[in-house]
Amino acid sequence: MRRNIPIRTCIGCRKKGTKNSLIRFTFALGKGIQLDRRQVLPGRGAYVCRDLTCLEKAWKKKAFVRALRIPPAQLKDISPDDVNRLKEEMEVLISGEEERSKEGDLNEQA
C-alpha cells in the first residue's frame, strides 16, 4: 500500500515540495516566530525552501504574518532582528544537514 506524502508550499517563492524538503516555522506568543527543526511544535506552520533568499522574500512580503495568521495585537512581538536570528538558525540547520550527508557518503564509500 502506498502512503501519501504531504505537499507544502514555500511562502517565499510559492514552489511546492514535500513536507520534509521544506523548513517549518511557527509563531508562539511571547516568543515570536520560531524555526521548528523537528516539525512538531504546536500551532499553525509556515514553510520555506532551504534557501535563504526564500526566507528574505517571505519576510519582505510579510508572508509570515499572513501564513501564520498572527493577530495584529501580537505584531509587536516581531522585530526586524527576528529575520537575522532566523537566517542564522536556518544556516546552522542547512550546514548541519550538508555535513551529515557528506559523512553518510564517506561511510558508503568505506
N, C-alpha and C. Protein backbone atom coordinates (compact mmCIF):
# COMPACT_ATOMS: atom_id res chain seq x y z
N MET A 1 0.83 -1.17 0.00
CA MET A 1 0.00 0.00 0.00
C MET A 1 0.88 1.25 0.00
N ARG A 2 0.56 2.19 -0.84
CA ARG A 2 1.34 3.41 -0.95
C ARG A 2 0.80 4.48 -0.02
N ARG A 3 1.71 5.16 0.65
CA ARG A 3 1.32 6.19 1.60
C ARG A 3 1.41 7.56 0.95
N ASN A 4 0.47 8.44 1.24
CA ASN A 4 0.50 9.80 0.70
C ASN A 4 1.61 10.59 1.36
N ILE A 5 2.32 11.37 0.55
CA ILE A 5 3.38 12.23 1.06
C ILE A 5 2.82 13.65 1.12
N PRO A 6 2.86 14.30 2.31
CA PRO A 6 2.32 15.66 2.43
C PRO A 6 3.09 16.65 1.57
N ILE A 7 2.37 17.49 0.84
CA ILE A 7 2.97 18.53 0.00
C ILE A 7 2.66 19.88 0.64
N ARG A 8 3.67 20.74 0.70
CA ARG A 8 3.53 22.09 1.26
C ARG A 8 4.06 23.09 0.24
N THR A 9 3.72 24.38 0.44
CA THR A 9 4.14 25.45 -0.45
C THR A 9 5.04 26.41 0.30
N CYS A 10 6.16 26.78 -0.32
CA CYS A 10 7.08 27.76 0.26
C CYS A 10 6.40 29.13 0.21
N ILE A 11 6.40 29.85 1.34
CA ILE A 11 5.76 31.16 1.37
C ILE A 11 6.64 32.25 0.75
N GLY A 12 7.87 31.91 0.40
CA GLY A 12 8.77 32.88 -0.24
C GLY A 12 8.65 32.85 -1.76
N CYS A 13 8.81 31.65 -2.34
CA CYS A 13 8.83 31.53 -3.81
C CYS A 13 7.58 30.86 -4.38
N ARG A 14 6.72 30.32 -3.49
CA ARG A 14 5.46 29.66 -3.87
C ARG A 14 5.67 28.30 -4.57
N LYS A 15 6.87 27.73 -4.53
CA LYS A 15 7.10 26.41 -5.10
C LYS A 15 6.60 25.36 -4.13
N LYS A 16 6.11 24.27 -4.67
CA LYS A 16 5.61 23.18 -3.85
C LYS A 16 6.72 22.14 -3.64
N GLY A 17 6.69 21.52 -2.48
CA GLY A 17 7.66 20.47 -2.17
C GLY A 17 7.12 19.58 -1.07
N THR A 18 7.80 18.47 -0.84
CA THR A 18 7.38 17.58 0.23
C THR A 18 7.60 18.28 1.57
N LYS A 19 6.84 17.88 2.54
CA LYS A 19 6.92 18.49 3.87
C LYS A 19 8.34 18.41 4.42
N ASN A 20 9.02 17.30 4.21
CA ASN A 20 10.37 17.11 4.73
C ASN A 20 11.43 17.90 3.97
N SER A 21 11.12 18.36 2.76
CA SER A 21 12.10 19.11 1.99
C SER A 21 12.08 20.60 2.31
N LEU A 22 11.07 21.04 3.08
CA LEU A 22 10.95 22.45 3.44
C LEU A 22 11.21 22.62 4.94
N ILE A 23 11.47 23.85 5.35
CA ILE A 23 11.71 24.17 6.76
C ILE A 23 10.45 24.82 7.32
N ARG A 24 10.02 24.35 8.48
CA ARG A 24 8.78 24.83 9.09
C ARG A 24 9.06 25.90 10.14
N PHE A 25 8.22 26.92 10.15
CA PHE A 25 8.26 27.99 11.14
C PHE A 25 6.91 28.06 11.82
N THR A 26 6.91 28.42 13.11
CA THR A 26 5.68 28.61 13.85
C THR A 26 5.75 29.93 14.61
N PHE A 27 4.61 30.35 15.14
CA PHE A 27 4.55 31.57 15.95
C PHE A 27 4.02 31.21 17.33
N ALA A 28 4.72 31.66 18.36
CA ALA A 28 4.27 31.43 19.74
C ALA A 28 4.21 32.77 20.46
N LEU A 29 3.15 32.97 21.22
CA LEU A 29 3.01 34.21 21.97
C LEU A 29 4.20 34.41 22.90
N GLY A 30 4.75 35.60 22.86
CA GLY A 30 5.88 35.92 23.71
C GLY A 30 7.23 35.46 23.18
N LYS A 31 7.22 34.56 22.20
CA LYS A 31 8.48 34.04 21.64
C LYS A 31 8.69 34.48 20.20
N GLY A 32 7.64 34.91 19.55
CA GLY A 32 7.75 35.34 18.16
C GLY A 32 7.79 34.16 17.21
N ILE A 33 8.38 34.39 16.05
CA ILE A 33 8.48 33.35 15.03
C ILE A 33 9.66 32.44 15.38
N GLN A 34 9.41 31.14 15.34
CA GLN A 34 10.42 30.15 15.68
C GLN A 34 10.64 29.17 14.55
N LEU A 35 11.88 28.73 14.37
CA LEU A 35 12.18 27.66 13.43
C LEU A 35 11.85 26.35 14.13
N ASP A 36 11.07 25.53 13.48
CA ASP A 36 10.62 24.26 14.05
C ASP A 36 11.43 23.13 13.43
N ARG A 37 12.57 22.82 14.02
CA ARG A 37 13.50 21.84 13.46
C ARG A 37 12.87 20.46 13.26
N ARG A 38 12.12 19.99 14.24
CA ARG A 38 11.55 18.65 14.18
C ARG A 38 10.14 18.63 13.60
N GLN A 39 9.61 19.79 13.27
CA GLN A 39 8.26 19.95 12.69
C GLN A 39 7.19 19.37 13.61
N VAL A 40 7.31 19.66 14.90
CA VAL A 40 6.34 19.12 15.86
C VAL A 40 5.76 20.18 16.80
N LEU A 41 6.23 21.42 16.72
CA LEU A 41 5.71 22.45 17.62
C LEU A 41 4.23 22.69 17.35
N PRO A 42 3.46 23.00 18.39
CA PRO A 42 2.03 23.20 18.19
C PRO A 42 1.74 24.50 17.43
N GLY A 43 0.60 24.53 16.83
CA GLY A 43 0.16 25.73 16.14
C GLY A 43 0.32 25.65 14.64
N ARG A 44 -0.07 26.72 14.03
CA ARG A 44 -0.04 26.82 12.58
C ARG A 44 1.40 26.92 12.09
N GLY A 45 1.70 26.28 11.00
CA GLY A 45 3.06 26.30 10.45
C GLY A 45 3.11 27.01 9.12
N ALA A 46 4.28 27.58 8.83
CA ALA A 46 4.57 28.17 7.53
C ALA A 46 5.86 27.55 7.05
N TYR A 47 5.94 27.26 5.76
CA TYR A 47 7.08 26.53 5.22
C TYR A 47 7.88 27.39 4.26
N VAL A 48 9.22 27.20 4.31
CA VAL A 48 10.14 27.94 3.44
C VAL A 48 11.14 26.95 2.87
N CYS A 49 11.55 27.15 1.61
CA CYS A 49 12.58 26.32 0.99
C CYS A 49 13.87 26.42 1.80
N ARG A 50 14.76 25.50 1.56
CA ARG A 50 16.05 25.51 2.25
C ARG A 50 17.01 26.47 1.55
N ASP A 51 16.53 27.68 1.35
CA ASP A 51 17.29 28.72 0.65
C ASP A 51 17.04 30.04 1.37
N LEU A 52 18.11 30.73 1.73
CA LEU A 52 17.96 31.98 2.49
C LEU A 52 17.22 33.06 1.70
N THR A 53 17.31 33.03 0.36
CA THR A 53 16.60 34.04 -0.42
C THR A 53 15.08 33.89 -0.26
N CYS A 54 14.62 32.66 -0.11
CA CYS A 54 13.18 32.45 0.11
C CYS A 54 12.75 33.03 1.46
N LEU A 55 13.60 32.87 2.47
CA LEU A 55 13.30 33.44 3.79
C LEU A 55 13.21 34.96 3.68
N GLU A 56 14.16 35.57 2.97
CA GLU A 56 14.16 37.03 2.81
C GLU A 56 12.93 37.50 2.03
N LYS A 57 12.59 36.79 0.96
CA LYS A 57 11.39 37.15 0.18
C LYS A 57 10.14 37.08 1.04
N ALA A 58 10.02 36.00 1.81
CA ALA A 58 8.84 35.83 2.67
C ALA A 58 8.76 36.95 3.69
N TRP A 59 9.89 37.36 4.24
CA TRP A 59 9.92 38.43 5.23
C TRP A 59 9.51 39.75 4.60
N LYS A 60 10.04 40.06 3.42
CA LYS A 60 9.73 41.33 2.74
C LYS A 60 8.26 41.40 2.34
N LYS A 61 7.69 40.27 1.94
CA LYS A 61 6.28 40.24 1.51
C LYS A 61 5.31 40.14 2.69
N LYS A 62 5.87 40.07 3.92
CA LYS A 62 5.06 39.88 5.13
C LYS A 62 4.23 38.60 5.05
N ALA A 63 4.80 37.62 4.40
CA ALA A 63 4.10 36.35 4.22
C ALA A 63 3.98 35.57 5.53
N PHE A 64 4.94 35.77 6.44
CA PHE A 64 4.85 35.08 7.73
C PHE A 64 3.61 35.52 8.49
N VAL A 65 3.32 36.81 8.48
CA VAL A 65 2.16 37.34 9.21
C VAL A 65 0.88 36.73 8.65
N ARG A 66 0.79 36.64 7.33
CA ARG A 66 -0.41 36.07 6.71
C ARG A 66 -0.50 34.55 6.92
N ALA A 67 0.60 33.85 6.64
CA ALA A 67 0.57 32.39 6.71
C ALA A 67 0.37 31.87 8.13
N LEU A 68 0.97 32.55 9.09
CA LEU A 68 0.84 32.11 10.48
C LEU A 68 -0.36 32.73 11.18
N ARG A 69 -1.07 33.62 10.45
CA ARG A 69 -2.26 34.30 10.98
C ARG A 69 -1.98 34.96 12.32
N ILE A 70 -0.92 35.75 12.34
CA ILE A 70 -0.51 36.44 13.56
C ILE A 70 -1.48 37.58 13.81
N PRO A 71 -2.09 37.63 15.00
CA PRO A 71 -3.05 38.70 15.31
C PRO A 71 -2.36 40.06 15.34
N PRO A 72 -3.05 41.12 14.89
CA PRO A 72 -2.44 42.45 14.87
C PRO A 72 -1.87 42.88 16.23
N ALA A 73 -2.50 42.47 17.31
CA ALA A 73 -2.03 42.84 18.65
C ALA A 73 -0.67 42.21 18.96
N GLN A 74 -0.33 41.12 18.27
CA GLN A 74 0.93 40.41 18.53
C GLN A 74 2.06 40.83 17.60
N LEU A 75 1.78 41.74 16.67
CA LEU A 75 2.82 42.17 15.74
C LEU A 75 3.99 42.84 16.45
N LYS A 76 3.74 43.35 17.65
CA LYS A 76 4.82 43.99 18.42
C LYS A 76 5.88 42.96 18.84
N ASP A 77 5.50 41.67 18.87
CA ASP A 77 6.45 40.61 19.23
C ASP A 77 7.43 40.30 18.09
N ILE A 78 7.19 40.86 16.91
CA ILE A 78 8.04 40.59 15.76
C ILE A 78 8.88 41.82 15.47
N SER A 79 10.20 41.63 15.45
CA SER A 79 11.11 42.75 15.19
C SER A 79 11.97 42.44 13.97
N PRO A 80 12.58 43.48 13.38
CA PRO A 80 13.47 43.25 12.24
C PRO A 80 14.66 42.35 12.60
N ASP A 81 15.03 42.30 13.88
CA ASP A 81 16.12 41.42 14.31
C ASP A 81 15.73 39.94 14.18
N ASP A 82 14.44 39.67 14.17
CA ASP A 82 13.98 38.28 14.05
C ASP A 82 14.45 37.65 12.76
N VAL A 83 14.43 38.40 11.66
CA VAL A 83 14.83 37.82 10.38
C VAL A 83 16.31 37.43 10.42
N ASN A 84 17.14 38.22 11.07
CA ASN A 84 18.56 37.88 11.19
C ASN A 84 18.75 36.63 12.05
N ARG A 85 18.00 36.54 13.14
CA ARG A 85 18.07 35.36 14.00
C ARG A 85 17.62 34.11 13.25
N LEU A 86 16.53 34.24 12.49
CA LEU A 86 16.02 33.11 11.73
C LEU A 86 17.00 32.69 10.63
N LYS A 87 17.66 33.67 10.01
CA LYS A 87 18.68 33.36 8.99
C LYS A 87 19.80 32.54 9.60
N GLU A 88 20.28 32.98 10.76
CA GLU A 88 21.37 32.26 11.43
C GLU A 88 20.96 30.83 11.78
N GLU A 89 19.75 30.68 12.32
CA GLU A 89 19.27 29.34 12.68
C GLU A 89 19.14 28.46 11.44
N MET A 90 18.66 29.06 10.36
CA MET A 90 18.48 28.32 9.12
C MET A 90 19.82 27.90 8.54
N GLU A 91 20.82 28.80 8.59
CA GLU A 91 22.16 28.47 8.10
C GLU A 91 22.75 27.29 8.87
N VAL A 92 22.58 27.31 10.19
CA VAL A 92 23.09 26.22 11.03
C VAL A 92 22.40 24.91 10.66
N LEU A 93 21.09 24.96 10.48
CA LEU A 93 20.32 23.77 10.13
C LEU A 93 20.77 23.22 8.78
N ILE A 94 20.90 24.08 7.80
CA ILE A 94 21.29 23.65 6.45
C ILE A 94 22.72 23.12 6.45
N SER A 95 23.65 23.81 7.11
CA SER A 95 25.04 23.36 7.12
C SER A 95 25.18 22.03 7.86
N GLY A 96 24.40 21.84 8.93
CA GLY A 96 24.43 20.58 9.67
C GLY A 96 23.95 19.42 8.82
N GLU A 97 22.95 19.65 7.98
CA GLU A 97 22.42 18.60 7.11
C GLU A 97 23.44 18.26 6.03
N GLU A 98 24.14 19.28 5.51
CA GLU A 98 25.15 19.04 4.48
C GLU A 98 26.29 18.20 5.04
N GLU A 99 26.70 18.50 6.28
CA GLU A 99 27.78 17.74 6.90
C GLU A 99 27.37 16.29 7.12
N ARG A 100 26.12 16.08 7.57
CA ARG A 100 25.65 14.71 7.79
C ARG A 100 25.58 13.93 6.48
N SER A 101 25.17 14.60 5.39
CA SER A 101 25.09 13.89 4.12
C SER A 101 26.48 13.57 3.60
N LYS A 102 27.46 14.44 3.86
CA LYS A 102 28.84 14.15 3.45
C LYS A 102 29.39 12.97 4.26
N GLU A 103 29.09 12.93 5.55
CA GLU A 103 29.53 11.81 6.39
C GLU A 103 28.92 10.51 5.90
N GLY A 104 27.65 10.56 5.52
CA GLY A 104 26.98 9.38 5.00
C GLY A 104 27.63 8.90 3.72
N ASP A 105 28.01 9.84 2.84
CA ASP A 105 28.68 9.49 1.59
C ASP A 105 30.02 8.82 1.88
N LEU A 106 30.76 9.34 2.88
CA LEU A 106 32.05 8.78 3.23
C LEU A 106 31.90 7.36 3.79
N ASN A 107 30.86 7.16 4.60
CA ASN A 107 30.61 5.84 5.18
C ASN A 107 30.25 4.82 4.10
N GLU A 108 29.52 5.26 3.09
CA GLU A 108 29.13 4.35 2.00
C GLU A 108 30.33 3.97 1.16
N GLN A 109 31.30 4.87 1.03
CA GLN A 109 32.49 4.60 0.22
C GLN A 109 33.42 3.62 0.92
N ALA A 110 33.40 3.63 2.25
CA ALA A 110 34.35 2.78 3.01
C ALA A 110 34.00 1.32 2.94
